[in-house]
Protein backbone atom coordinates (compact mmCIF):
# COMPACT_ATOMS: atom_id res chain seq x y z
CA MET A 1 -22.37 -12.18 17.20
CA ALA A 2 -24.69 -9.62 16.47
CA SER A 3 -26.96 -9.73 13.14
CA LYS A 4 -25.81 -8.36 9.52
CA LYS A 5 -26.83 -4.68 8.58
CA PRO A 6 -26.34 -3.17 5.47
CA PHE A 7 -22.12 -2.74 4.53
CA ASP A 8 -20.71 0.81 4.75
CA PHE A 9 -22.01 2.26 1.70
CA TRP A 10 -19.51 5.54 1.93
CA ILE A 11 -16.58 3.10 2.14
CA LEU A 12 -17.68 1.28 -1.30
CA PHE A 13 -18.66 4.67 -2.42
CA THR A 14 -15.14 6.12 -2.08
CA VAL A 15 -13.52 3.11 -3.25
CA LEU A 16 -15.54 2.86 -6.62
CA ILE A 17 -14.91 6.77 -7.37
CA LEU A 18 -11.30 6.23 -6.83
CA LEU A 19 -10.90 3.13 -9.11
CA ALA A 20 -13.03 4.81 -11.84
CA LEU A 21 -10.64 8.25 -11.90
CA GLY A 22 -7.50 6.20 -11.28
CA THR A 23 -8.34 4.02 -14.68
CA VAL A 24 -8.65 7.17 -16.65
CA MET A 25 -5.34 8.41 -14.91
CA VAL A 26 -3.72 4.94 -15.73
CA PHE A 27 -4.56 5.89 -19.29
CA SER A 28 -3.27 9.22 -19.31
CA ALA A 29 -0.43 9.10 -17.37
CA GLY A 30 0.50 6.01 -19.08
CA ALA A 31 -0.24 6.30 -22.76
CA PRO A 32 2.99 7.86 -23.71
CA TYR A 33 5.00 5.40 -21.78
CA ALA A 34 3.05 2.89 -23.08
CA TYR A 35 3.55 3.89 -26.83
CA ASN A 36 7.27 4.33 -26.25
CA TRP A 37 8.14 0.74 -24.78
CA PHE A 38 4.89 -1.24 -25.78
CA LYS A 39 5.28 -1.04 -30.18
CA GLY A 40 3.19 2.46 -30.14
CA ASP A 41 0.38 0.62 -28.09
CA THR A 42 -1.01 3.92 -26.16
CA TYR A 43 -3.66 1.95 -24.44
CA PHE A 44 -1.69 -0.68 -23.14
CA PHE A 45 -1.75 -0.34 -19.46
CA LEU A 46 -5.36 0.92 -20.02
CA LYS A 47 -6.64 -2.38 -21.45
CA LYS A 48 -4.77 -4.56 -18.99
CA GLN A 49 -6.22 -2.78 -15.62
CA LEU A 50 -9.70 -2.88 -17.67
CA LYS A 51 -8.98 -6.93 -17.08
CA LEU A 52 -7.80 -6.51 -13.76
CA LEU A 53 -10.77 -4.83 -12.40
CA PRO A 54 -13.18 -7.44 -12.53
CA VAL A 55 -10.90 -9.50 -10.78
CA GLY A 56 -10.53 -6.98 -8.22
CA PHE A 57 -14.62 -6.87 -7.88
CA ALA A 58 -14.84 -10.28 -7.73
CA ALA A 59 -12.47 -10.63 -5.08
CA MET A 60 -14.18 -7.96 -3.29
CA LEU A 61 -17.48 -9.72 -3.03
CA VAL A 62 -15.80 -12.75 -2.35
CA THR A 63 -14.39 -11.52 0.49
CA MET A 64 -17.15 -9.50 1.60
CA ASN A 65 -19.36 -12.34 1.78
CA ILE A 66 -17.16 -14.56 3.88
CA ASP A 67 -17.52 -14.14 7.74
CA TYR A 68 -14.34 -12.12 8.42
CA ARG A 69 -13.89 -14.62 11.56
CA LYS A 70 -12.91 -16.93 9.25
CA PHE A 71 -10.02 -15.14 7.47
CA GLY A 72 -8.88 -14.95 10.94
CA LYS A 73 -9.09 -18.67 11.68
CA TRP A 74 -7.04 -19.04 8.37
CA SER A 75 -4.76 -16.34 8.75
CA PRO A 76 -1.76 -18.68 10.02
CA ILE A 77 -2.15 -20.78 6.91
CA PHE A 78 -1.93 -17.29 4.72
CA LEU A 79 1.38 -16.45 7.15
CA VAL A 80 2.83 -19.80 6.55
CA ILE A 81 2.34 -19.26 2.54
CA SER A 82 3.28 -15.64 2.36
CA ILE A 83 6.71 -16.65 3.71
CA ILE A 84 7.36 -19.56 1.39
CA LEU A 85 6.68 -17.48 -1.92
CA MET A 86 8.82 -14.87 -0.21
CA VAL A 87 11.20 -17.22 -0.37
CA LEU A 88 10.80 -18.75 -3.52
CA VAL A 89 11.20 -14.93 -4.88
CA LEU A 90 14.81 -14.97 -3.91
CA ILE A 91 15.59 -18.38 -5.72
CA PRO A 92 17.19 -17.72 -8.91
CA GLY A 93 15.64 -19.31 -11.65
CA ILE A 94 12.18 -18.85 -9.76
CA GLY A 95 11.80 -15.24 -8.95
CA ILE A 96 11.65 -12.78 -11.59
CA GLU A 97 14.55 -10.03 -11.20
CA SER A 98 13.62 -6.42 -12.99
CA LYS A 99 15.31 -3.56 -12.09
CA GLY A 100 18.08 -5.16 -9.53
CA ALA A 101 14.86 -6.21 -7.57
CA ARG A 102 13.79 -9.54 -7.36
CA ARG A 103 9.99 -9.28 -6.51
CA TRP A 104 8.02 -11.48 -8.82
CA LEU A 105 7.04 -14.62 -9.55
CA GLY A 106 5.25 -15.39 -12.92
CA ILE A 107 4.32 -18.03 -15.60
CA GLY A 108 4.00 -16.41 -19.12
CA ASP A 109 2.37 -13.08 -19.43
CA TYR A 110 1.52 -13.25 -15.82
CA SER A 111 3.23 -12.53 -12.57
CA PHE A 112 2.57 -12.36 -8.94
CA GLN A 113 4.27 -9.96 -6.10
CA PRO A 114 4.00 -12.34 -2.60
CA SER A 115 4.57 -8.80 -0.50
CA GLU A 116 1.17 -7.36 -1.60
CA LEU A 117 0.19 -11.28 0.14
CA ALA A 118 2.74 -10.92 2.64
CA LYS A 119 0.94 -7.06 4.07
CA LEU A 120 -2.36 -8.67 3.82
CA SER A 121 -1.45 -12.01 5.96
CA LEU A 122 0.57 -9.97 8.54
CA VAL A 123 -2.68 -7.88 9.35
CA LEU A 124 -4.58 -10.78 9.70
CA PHE A 125 -2.63 -12.87 11.58
CA PHE A 126 -1.71 -10.11 14.38
CA SER A 127 -5.33 -9.35 14.70
CA TYR A 128 -6.59 -12.69 14.81
CA SER A 129 -3.63 -13.89 17.23
CA LEU A 130 -4.13 -10.59 19.59
CA SER A 131 -7.37 -10.91 19.67
CA ARG A 132 -7.06 -14.28 21.53
CA ARG A 133 -4.13 -13.07 23.56
CA ARG A 134 -3.91 -9.82 24.60
CA ASP A 135 -3.42 -10.07 28.01
CA ARG A 136 0.13 -11.26 27.75
CA LEU A 137 1.08 -7.98 25.78
CA GLU A 138 2.16 -6.43 29.13
CA ARG A 139 4.88 -8.56 29.26
CA PHE A 140 7.57 -8.65 26.50
CA PHE A 141 9.55 -11.25 26.31
CA SER A 142 5.95 -13.96 26.37
CA GLY A 143 3.75 -11.04 25.07
CA LEU A 144 5.31 -8.71 22.61
CA LEU A 145 8.74 -10.10 21.50
CA PRO A 146 6.72 -13.17 19.62
CA TYR A 147 5.30 -11.24 17.28
CA LEU A 148 8.48 -8.72 16.51
CA LEU A 149 10.26 -11.91 15.67
CA ILE A 150 7.31 -12.52 13.10
CA LEU A 151 7.92 -9.03 11.75
CA ALA A 152 11.55 -9.34 11.07
CA VAL A 153 11.17 -12.62 9.55
CA PHE A 154 8.96 -10.56 7.15
CA ALA A 155 11.51 -7.66 7.14
CA VAL A 156 14.91 -9.82 6.68
CA LEU A 157 12.88 -11.10 3.31
CA LEU A 158 11.53 -8.24 1.92
CA LEU A 159 14.94 -6.66 2.54
CA LEU A 160 16.65 -9.51 0.55
CA GLU A 161 14.42 -8.49 -2.43
CA PRO A 162 15.09 -5.79 -2.16
CA HIS A 163 11.90 -3.88 -0.92
CA LYS A 164 12.78 -1.72 1.13
CA SER A 165 9.38 0.66 1.01
CA CYS A 166 7.18 -2.68 1.86
CA THR A 167 9.78 -3.24 4.71
CA ALA A 168 8.46 0.19 6.06
CA ILE A 169 4.87 -0.10 5.73
CA VAL A 170 4.52 -3.77 7.21
CA GLY A 171 6.46 -2.56 10.01
CA ILE A 172 4.65 0.59 10.63
CA VAL A 173 1.28 -1.22 10.32
CA ALA A 174 2.73 -3.98 12.38
CA PHE A 175 2.95 -1.69 15.34
CA ILE A 176 -0.16 0.31 14.59
CA ILE A 177 -2.08 -2.91 15.11
CA LEU A 178 0.20 -4.17 18.23
CA PHE A 179 -0.76 -0.30 19.76
CA CYS A 180 -4.44 -0.83 19.35
CA ALA A 181 -4.29 -4.34 20.81
CA GLY A 182 -2.66 -2.98 23.83
CA ALA A 183 0.94 -2.84 23.77
CA LYS A 184 3.22 -0.69 26.21
CA ILE A 185 4.10 2.65 25.20
CA ARG A 186 7.21 2.03 27.34
CA HIS A 187 8.21 -1.10 25.17
CA PHE A 188 7.94 0.92 22.05
CA VAL A 189 10.21 3.43 23.46
CA LEU A 190 12.76 1.15 24.40
CA LEU A 191 12.57 -0.53 20.68
CA ALA A 192 13.14 3.18 19.54
CA ALA A 193 16.92 2.94 19.35
CA PRO A 194 17.68 -0.35 18.31
CA ALA A 195 15.08 0.27 15.65
CA VAL A 196 16.72 3.67 14.33
CA ALA A 197 20.09 1.95 14.57
CA ALA A 198 19.02 -0.60 12.05
CA VAL A 199 17.58 1.63 9.55
CA GLY A 200 20.66 3.61 9.70
CA VAL A 201 22.89 0.54 9.32
CA ILE A 202 20.49 -0.20 6.05
CA ILE A 203 20.94 2.88 4.59
CA ALA A 204 25.01 3.08 5.25
CA MET A 205 24.92 -0.72 3.52
CA SER A 206 23.26 0.58 0.17
CA ASP A 207 24.70 2.77 -1.95
CA TYR A 208 21.00 3.51 -3.73
CA SER A 209 19.34 4.19 -0.41
CA ARG A 210 22.05 6.92 0.07
CA GLN A 211 21.77 8.53 -2.79
CA ARG A 212 17.97 8.54 -2.02
CA ILE A 213 18.18 10.17 0.94
CA LEU A 214 21.25 12.87 -0.19
CA SER A 215 18.89 13.60 -3.13
CA PHE A 216 16.20 14.20 -0.51
CA LEU A 217 18.15 16.76 1.37
CA ASN A 218 19.21 18.77 -1.88
CA PRO A 219 17.34 17.50 -5.09
CA SER A 220 19.51 20.02 -6.61
CA ALA A 221 22.80 18.45 -6.06
CA ASP A 222 22.26 15.80 -8.86
CA PRO A 223 19.44 17.23 -11.09
CA GLN A 224 20.16 14.78 -13.74
CA GLY A 225 20.88 11.74 -11.47
CA ALA A 226 19.29 11.12 -8.37
CA GLY A 227 17.32 14.28 -7.60
CA TRP A 228 15.47 13.79 -11.60
CA GLN A 229 12.24 11.94 -9.77
CA THR A 230 11.90 14.32 -7.43
CA ARG A 231 12.25 18.10 -9.17
CA GLN A 232 10.09 16.29 -12.70
CA SER A 233 7.18 15.39 -9.93
CA LEU A 234 7.04 18.97 -8.52
CA TYR A 235 7.31 20.62 -12.10
CA ALA A 236 4.20 18.64 -12.59
CA ILE A 237 2.80 19.52 -9.71
CA GLY A 238 3.56 23.25 -9.79
CA SER A 239 2.25 23.96 -13.37
CA GLY A 240 -0.93 22.20 -12.85
CA GLY A 241 -1.96 25.36 -10.51
CA LEU A 242 -5.83 25.49 -9.15
CA PHE A 243 -7.87 23.75 -11.96
CA GLY A 244 -4.82 22.50 -14.15
CA ARG A 245 -4.15 21.66 -17.77
CA GLY A 246 -6.57 19.36 -18.30
CA ILE A 247 -7.28 15.70 -18.76
CA GLY A 248 -4.63 14.46 -20.95
CA LYS A 249 -2.73 17.84 -21.29
CA SER A 250 0.05 16.62 -18.91
CA LEU A 251 3.79 17.68 -20.25
CA GLN A 252 5.77 15.89 -17.51
CA LYS A 253 4.58 12.36 -18.64
CA TYR A 254 6.09 12.01 -21.61
CA LEU A 255 9.02 10.21 -20.48
CA TYR A 256 9.91 12.90 -17.93
CA ILE A 257 8.50 11.49 -14.37
CA PRO A 258 9.63 7.54 -14.50
CA GLU A 259 6.72 5.46 -13.59
CA PRO A 260 4.30 8.19 -14.47
CA HIS A 261 1.60 5.13 -14.34
CA ASN A 262 2.65 4.28 -11.16
CA ASP A 263 4.11 5.50 -8.06
CA PHE A 264 3.70 9.49 -9.88
CA ILE A 265 0.89 8.98 -10.81
CA LEU A 266 -0.55 11.85 -8.36
CA SER A 267 1.81 14.15 -9.94
CA VAL A 268 0.01 13.78 -13.48
CA LEU A 269 -2.93 13.69 -11.65
CA ALA A 270 -1.92 16.93 -9.78
CA GLU A 271 -0.76 18.69 -13.61
CA GLU A 272 -3.60 17.90 -14.96
CA LEU A 273 -6.60 18.41 -12.63
CA GLY A 274 -4.89 20.85 -10.23
CA PHE A 275 -5.19 21.54 -7.03
CA ILE A 276 -8.47 21.05 -7.27
CA GLY A 277 -8.04 17.61 -8.51
CA VAL A 278 -5.98 16.22 -5.91
CA PHE A 279 -7.62 17.89 -2.97
CA THR A 280 -11.13 15.74 -4.23
CA VAL A 281 -8.73 12.72 -4.31
CA LEU A 282 -7.60 13.37 -0.57
CA VAL A 283 -10.74 13.90 0.75
CA LEU A 284 -12.03 10.77 -0.84
CA PHE A 285 -9.01 9.41 0.85
CA LEU A 286 -10.06 10.76 4.00
CA ILE A 287 -13.42 9.64 3.75
CA PHE A 288 -12.65 5.95 3.20
CA ILE A 289 -10.17 6.16 6.34
CA TRP A 290 -12.90 7.93 8.63
CA ARG A 291 -15.15 5.38 7.60
CA GLY A 292 -12.40 2.40 8.37
CA ILE A 293 -11.67 3.77 11.78
CA LYS A 294 -15.64 3.75 12.40
CA VAL A 295 -16.12 0.14 11.97
CA SER A 296 -12.96 -0.83 14.06
CA LEU A 297 -14.32 1.23 16.57
CA ASN A 298 -17.82 -0.12 16.99
CA ALA A 299 -17.40 -3.60 15.07
CA PRO A 300 -18.10 -6.48 17.38
CA ASP A 301 -15.30 -8.06 19.03
CA VAL A 302 -11.42 -7.80 19.42
CA LEU A 303 -10.90 -9.22 16.14
CA GLY A 304 -13.01 -7.19 14.00
CA SER A 305 -11.50 -3.91 15.42
CA LEU A 306 -8.28 -5.04 15.24
CA THR A 307 -8.74 -6.06 11.55
CA ALA A 308 -10.38 -3.31 10.19
CA ALA A 309 -7.52 -0.64 11.84
CA GLY A 310 -5.09 -2.72 10.22
CA ILE A 311 -6.60 -2.70 6.89
CA THR A 312 -7.73 0.89 7.06
CA SER A 313 -3.82 1.76 8.58
CA LEU A 314 -2.69 -0.03 5.65
CA ILE A 315 -4.10 1.64 2.84
CA ALA A 316 -4.04 5.20 4.84
CA VAL A 317 -0.15 4.28 5.46
CA GLN A 318 0.52 4.28 1.57
CA VAL A 319 -1.27 6.58 0.76
CA VAL A 320 0.29 9.23 2.71
CA ILE A 321 4.06 7.63 2.34
CA ASN A 322 2.95 8.11 -1.54
CA VAL A 323 1.91 11.59 -1.48
CA ALA A 324 5.14 12.33 0.71
CA VAL A 325 7.06 11.24 -1.70
CA VAL A 326 5.64 13.26 -5.18
CA THR A 327 5.54 15.96 -3.05
CA GLY A 328 9.34 15.73 -2.58
CA SER A 329 8.60 15.72 1.35
CA MET A 330 10.39 12.45 2.14
CA PRO A 331 12.94 10.53 -0.02
CA VAL A 332 11.62 8.95 -2.94
CA THR A 333 10.66 5.20 -2.69
CA GLY A 334 8.41 2.63 -4.83
CA ILE A 335 5.14 3.18 -3.14
CA PRO A 336 2.01 3.46 -5.38
CA LEU A 337 -0.98 5.52 -4.89
CA PRO A 338 -3.92 3.12 -3.60
CA PHE A 339 -6.74 2.30 -6.20
CA PHE A 340 -5.01 4.65 -8.73
CA SER A 341 -1.59 3.25 -9.44
CA TYR A 342 -1.07 0.69 -12.39
CA GLY A 343 -0.47 -3.12 -10.66
CA GLY A 344 -2.57 -6.23 -10.76
CA THR A 345 -1.36 -7.96 -7.42
CA SER A 346 -1.72 -4.24 -5.67
CA LEU A 347 -5.21 -4.33 -7.13
CA LEU A 348 -6.57 -8.08 -6.44
CA PHE A 349 -5.09 -7.45 -2.45
CA LEU A 350 -6.20 -4.61 -2.27
CA MET A 351 -9.83 -5.23 -2.90
CA SER A 352 -9.89 -8.30 -0.95
CA SER A 353 -8.81 -6.30 1.76
CA VAL A 354 -11.64 -3.87 1.31
CA GLY A 355 -13.92 -6.72 0.89
CA ILE A 356 -12.91 -7.73 4.51
CA LEU A 357 -13.20 -4.18 5.78
CA LEU A 358 -17.15 -4.24 4.64
CA ASN A 359 -17.93 -7.52 5.79
CA ILE A 360 -17.13 -6.52 9.23
CA SER A 361 -19.05 -3.52 8.86
CA ARG A 362 -22.15 -5.20 7.95
CA TYR A 363 -21.65 -6.38 12.24
CA ALA A 364 -20.78 -2.93 13.28
CA ASN A 365 -22.76 -1.16 15.22
CA TYR A 366 -23.25 2.07 14.28
CA GLU A 367 -25.30 4.36 12.09
CA ARG A 368 -24.65 3.64 7.93
CA ILE A 369 -25.74 7.51 7.36
């Protein structure tokens, strides 16, 4: 193993800037919603986010200073814990139900979303296992199939919550890791037909999903119902123009955009900071993704390479889907914008993932400038 080097400055820099901007936007976007739902406390989300940030930073500092190979060895334990917690979520009286979904475990005022742990656990386990048995991927039944079965277990548990957006993310990231590990393209081609059929069945069995698809195809068909979120999001983006209305001056956040501090926070940012603000944020994400890929390509071993690729793609996929949703480029789905959207569990595991990526960068062989 190569000697330690300085961690990748650009990864940390972009994350810090995104977190700073995100905290400002959580307050700006969430103030009207908080005032309406939390007894006039416009600072509700800001106060909770400021409490969560130190926890996220602590998680990043811990994982940044633990050799990433240890996370690989621990990954089977994380995988089993994730499955147990996702099963517990489905048990009435244990899992917390909200808005028709059962995705949380909680004690008192504190809640935990096991799916966030599941995403990182799957990345770590796939990377660790594939780094030890890449040669078997040439064979479908003894090589690729066991990973598909593990993925299927996660997918079924997530769909039962239901959490379709997380299911999609887990599936996409898993296939990216498998591809990077050397899985055969012909196997993916053979899997394409049954995968598309399965997605079609899931959509057909869910009235909610079917309405989302129809509203995506024609948002004007039900402007007060299924098409509401997309239309309000586009109004916000369009009214922002080049430079925006200014921080705090969004109109659509006043209970027009549902969950403005969460899934549609980018819409409020577009309205308040305009094209320039959104462009800046996307450039920061692109820098992060570029440096993550650089770490993956220059990692000292296969485990480091696959883990860095998995973590980078996990964040990148969420960014792409969130941007696509708020711009009406794909059906509405509940994907938060990394480092921006309000949420404790998401922030905790995002920062933990960044810490692991930074640890890998300390062993990677490339220029840090």
